Amino acid sequence: MAELKYEIVKTVAVLSESSKGWTKELNLISWNGREPKYDIRDWAPDKSKMGKGVTLTEEELASLKESLMSKM
């Protein structure tokens, strides 16, 4: 399996924290040197490990925001 490279460009929000210190975050991340995208996933306290997550373009994030706002 190829090495996964990432750079957290910006932490937008910490959504929650588990009792073991892992945090669920919304970040702007560059994966393998590509254009940064928005990403929601769990992170270990030192950011060395991550859980499965979902990656969104800016347009997809805006659509999600619009959908959520219309439901509230």
N, C-alpha and C. Protein backbone atom coordinates (compact mmCIF):
# COMPACT_ATOMS: atom_id res chain seq x y z
N MET A 1 0.85 -1.18 0.00
CA MET A 1 0.00 0.00 0.00
C MET A 1 0.89 1.24 0.00
N ALA A 2 0.59 2.20 -0.85
CA ALA A 2 1.36 3.43 -0.95
C ALA A 2 1.19 4.28 0.31
N GLU A 3 2.24 5.02 0.63
CA GLU A 3 2.19 5.89 1.81
C GLU A 3 1.23 7.05 1.55
N LEU A 4 0.41 7.33 2.54
CA LEU A 4 -0.54 8.42 2.45
C LEU A 4 0.09 9.66 3.07
N LYS A 5 0.20 10.72 2.28
CA LYS A 5 0.77 11.97 2.79
C LYS A 5 -0.35 12.99 2.92
N TYR A 6 -0.31 13.74 4.01
CA TYR A 6 -1.34 14.76 4.21
C TYR A 6 -0.76 15.95 4.96
N GLU A 7 -1.37 17.09 4.73
CA GLU A 7 -1.02 18.31 5.45
C GLU A 7 -2.32 18.97 5.89
N ILE A 8 -2.47 19.15 7.20
CA ILE A 8 -3.64 19.87 7.70
C ILE A 8 -3.35 21.36 7.49
N VAL A 9 -4.02 21.95 6.52
CA VAL A 9 -3.81 23.35 6.16
C VAL A 9 -4.47 24.26 7.19
N LYS A 10 -5.68 23.86 7.64
CA LYS A 10 -6.43 24.68 8.59
C LYS A 10 -7.40 23.80 9.37
N THR A 11 -7.42 23.97 10.68
CA THR A 11 -8.44 23.33 11.50
C THR A 11 -9.62 24.28 11.57
N VAL A 12 -10.74 23.87 11.01
CA VAL A 12 -11.94 24.70 10.98
C VAL A 12 -12.71 24.59 12.29
N ALA A 13 -12.88 23.34 12.79
CA ALA A 13 -13.64 23.15 14.03
C ALA A 13 -13.31 21.79 14.63
N VAL A 14 -13.29 21.75 15.96
CA VAL A 14 -13.24 20.48 16.69
C VAL A 14 -14.68 20.22 17.11
N LEU A 15 -15.25 19.13 16.59
CA LEU A 15 -16.66 18.84 16.79
C LEU A 15 -16.94 18.09 18.09
N SER A 16 -16.00 17.22 18.50
CA SER A 16 -16.17 16.47 19.75
C SER A 16 -14.83 15.87 20.16
N GLU A 17 -14.79 15.37 21.41
CA GLU A 17 -13.59 14.71 21.91
C GLU A 17 -14.02 13.46 22.69
N SER A 18 -13.32 12.34 22.42
CA SER A 18 -13.63 11.09 23.12
C SER A 18 -12.89 11.04 24.45
N SER A 19 -13.27 10.07 25.27
CA SER A 19 -12.62 9.91 26.57
C SER A 19 -11.14 9.52 26.43
N LYS A 20 -10.76 9.00 25.26
CA LYS A 20 -9.36 8.62 25.02
C LYS A 20 -8.56 9.75 24.38
N GLY A 21 -9.19 10.91 24.21
CA GLY A 21 -8.49 12.07 23.68
C GLY A 21 -8.57 12.26 22.18
N TRP A 22 -9.17 11.32 21.47
CA TRP A 22 -9.34 11.49 20.03
C TRP A 22 -10.37 12.59 19.78
N THR A 23 -10.17 13.36 18.73
CA THR A 23 -11.10 14.43 18.39
C THR A 23 -11.69 14.22 17.01
N LYS A 24 -12.96 14.56 16.88
CA LYS A 24 -13.62 14.58 15.56
C LYS A 24 -13.51 16.02 15.09
N GLU A 25 -12.89 16.20 13.91
CA GLU A 25 -12.57 17.55 13.44
C GLU A 25 -13.02 17.78 12.00
N LEU A 26 -13.31 19.05 11.71
CA LEU A 26 -13.48 19.52 10.34
C LEU A 26 -12.22 20.29 10.01
N ASN A 27 -11.46 19.77 9.06
CA ASN A 27 -10.20 20.40 8.66
C ASN A 27 -10.15 20.63 7.16
N LEU A 28 -9.30 21.53 6.76
CA LEU A 28 -8.95 21.71 5.35
C LEU A 28 -7.62 20.97 5.18
N ILE A 29 -7.61 19.91 4.35
CA ILE A 29 -6.45 19.03 4.25
C ILE A 29 -6.03 18.86 2.79
N SER A 30 -4.72 18.89 2.58
CA SER A 30 -4.14 18.55 1.29
C SER A 30 -3.69 17.09 1.36
N TRP A 31 -4.28 16.24 0.53
CA TRP A 31 -3.94 14.81 0.48
C TRP A 31 -2.97 14.58 -0.67
N ASN A 32 -1.82 14.01 -0.37
CA ASN A 32 -0.81 13.67 -1.38
C ASN A 32 -0.45 14.85 -2.27
N GLY A 33 -0.35 16.04 -1.68
CA GLY A 33 0.07 17.24 -2.41
C GLY A 33 -0.98 17.84 -3.31
N ARG A 34 -2.20 17.34 -3.25
CA ARG A 34 -3.28 17.87 -4.10
C ARG A 34 -3.92 19.11 -3.48
N GLU A 35 -4.82 19.71 -4.24
CA GLU A 35 -5.59 20.86 -3.78
C GLU A 35 -6.31 20.50 -2.47
N PRO A 36 -6.24 21.36 -1.46
CA PRO A 36 -6.90 21.05 -0.17
C PRO A 36 -8.41 20.89 -0.32
N LYS A 37 -8.95 19.96 0.48
CA LYS A 37 -10.40 19.73 0.54
C LYS A 37 -10.81 19.69 2.00
N TYR A 38 -12.09 19.88 2.24
CA TYR A 38 -12.62 19.81 3.61
C TYR A 38 -12.78 18.34 3.99
N ASP A 39 -12.52 18.05 5.25
CA ASP A 39 -12.45 16.67 5.69
C ASP A 39 -12.99 16.56 7.11
N ILE A 40 -13.86 15.58 7.35
CA ILE A 40 -14.39 15.31 8.69
C ILE A 40 -13.95 13.90 9.07
N ARG A 41 -13.19 13.78 10.18
CA ARG A 41 -12.76 12.47 10.65
C ARG A 41 -12.23 12.58 12.07
N ASP A 42 -12.00 11.41 12.69
CA ASP A 42 -11.42 11.33 14.02
C ASP A 42 -9.90 11.36 13.91
N TRP A 43 -9.26 12.04 14.88
CA TRP A 43 -7.80 12.14 14.92
C TRP A 43 -7.29 11.79 16.31
N ALA A 44 -6.16 11.08 16.35
CA ALA A 44 -5.46 10.83 17.60
C ALA A 44 -4.94 12.17 18.13
N PRO A 45 -4.68 12.25 19.43
CA PRO A 45 -4.22 13.52 20.01
C PRO A 45 -2.99 14.13 19.31
N ASP A 46 -2.06 13.29 18.86
CA ASP A 46 -0.85 13.81 18.21
C ASP A 46 -0.96 13.85 16.68
N LYS A 47 -2.13 13.57 16.15
CA LYS A 47 -2.42 13.58 14.71
C LYS A 47 -1.64 12.52 13.93
N SER A 48 -1.05 11.52 14.62
CA SER A 48 -0.30 10.48 13.93
C SER A 48 -1.20 9.38 13.39
N LYS A 49 -2.42 9.26 13.93
CA LYS A 49 -3.38 8.26 13.47
C LYS A 49 -4.71 8.94 13.21
N MET A 50 -5.48 8.34 12.29
CA MET A 50 -6.78 8.90 11.95
C MET A 50 -7.78 7.79 11.72
N GLY A 51 -9.05 8.11 11.90
CA GLY A 51 -10.12 7.18 11.59
C GLY A 51 -10.62 7.42 10.18
N LYS A 52 -11.58 6.61 9.79
CA LYS A 52 -12.21 6.81 8.48
C LYS A 52 -12.99 8.12 8.52
N GLY A 53 -13.09 8.75 7.37
CA GLY A 53 -13.79 10.03 7.32
C GLY A 53 -14.40 10.27 5.97
N VAL A 54 -14.81 11.50 5.78
CA VAL A 54 -15.41 11.92 4.51
C VAL A 54 -14.71 13.22 4.08
N THR A 55 -14.40 13.29 2.79
CA THR A 55 -13.74 14.45 2.22
C THR A 55 -14.70 15.14 1.27
N LEU A 56 -14.77 16.47 1.39
CA LEU A 56 -15.73 17.26 0.62
C LEU A 56 -15.04 18.42 -0.10
N THR A 57 -15.50 18.70 -1.31
CA THR A 57 -15.05 19.91 -1.99
C THR A 57 -15.74 21.11 -1.34
N GLU A 58 -15.31 22.29 -1.67
CA GLU A 58 -15.96 23.49 -1.13
C GLU A 58 -17.43 23.54 -1.54
N GLU A 59 -17.74 23.13 -2.77
CA GLU A 59 -19.12 23.12 -3.25
C GLU A 59 -19.97 22.11 -2.48
N GLU A 60 -19.40 20.93 -2.22
CA GLU A 60 -20.13 19.91 -1.46
C GLU A 60 -20.37 20.36 -0.02
N LEU A 61 -19.40 21.03 0.58
CA LEU A 61 -19.56 21.54 1.94
C LEU A 61 -20.65 22.60 1.97
N ALA A 62 -20.68 23.48 0.97
CA ALA A 62 -21.72 24.51 0.90
C ALA A 62 -23.10 23.87 0.73
N SER A 63 -23.18 22.82 -0.07
CA SER A 63 -24.45 22.12 -0.27
C SER A 63 -24.90 21.44 1.03
N LEU A 64 -23.97 20.84 1.75
CA LEU A 64 -24.29 20.22 3.04
C LEU A 64 -24.79 21.28 4.02
N LYS A 65 -24.12 22.41 4.08
CA LYS A 65 -24.53 23.51 4.97
C LYS A 65 -25.95 23.96 4.62
N GLU A 66 -26.21 24.15 3.34
CA GLU A 66 -27.53 24.60 2.89
C GLU A 66 -28.61 23.58 3.27
N SER A 67 -28.30 22.31 3.07
CA SER A 67 -29.27 21.25 3.42
C SER A 67 -29.54 21.23 4.91
N LEU A 68 -28.50 21.35 5.71
CA LEU A 68 -28.68 21.35 7.17
C LEU A 68 -29.47 22.57 7.64
N MET A 69 -29.18 23.71 7.07
CA MET A 69 -29.87 24.94 7.48
C MET A 69 -31.36 24.87 7.12
N SER A 70 -31.70 24.23 6.03
CA SER A 70 -33.11 24.15 5.63
C SER A 70 -33.90 23.18 6.51
N LYS A 71 -33.20 22.30 7.22
CA LYS A 71 -33.85 21.31 8.09
C LYS A 71 -34.04 21.83 9.50
N MET A 72 -33.45 22.95 9.85
CA MET A 72 -33.51 23.46 11.22
C MET A 72 -34.60 24.50 11.38
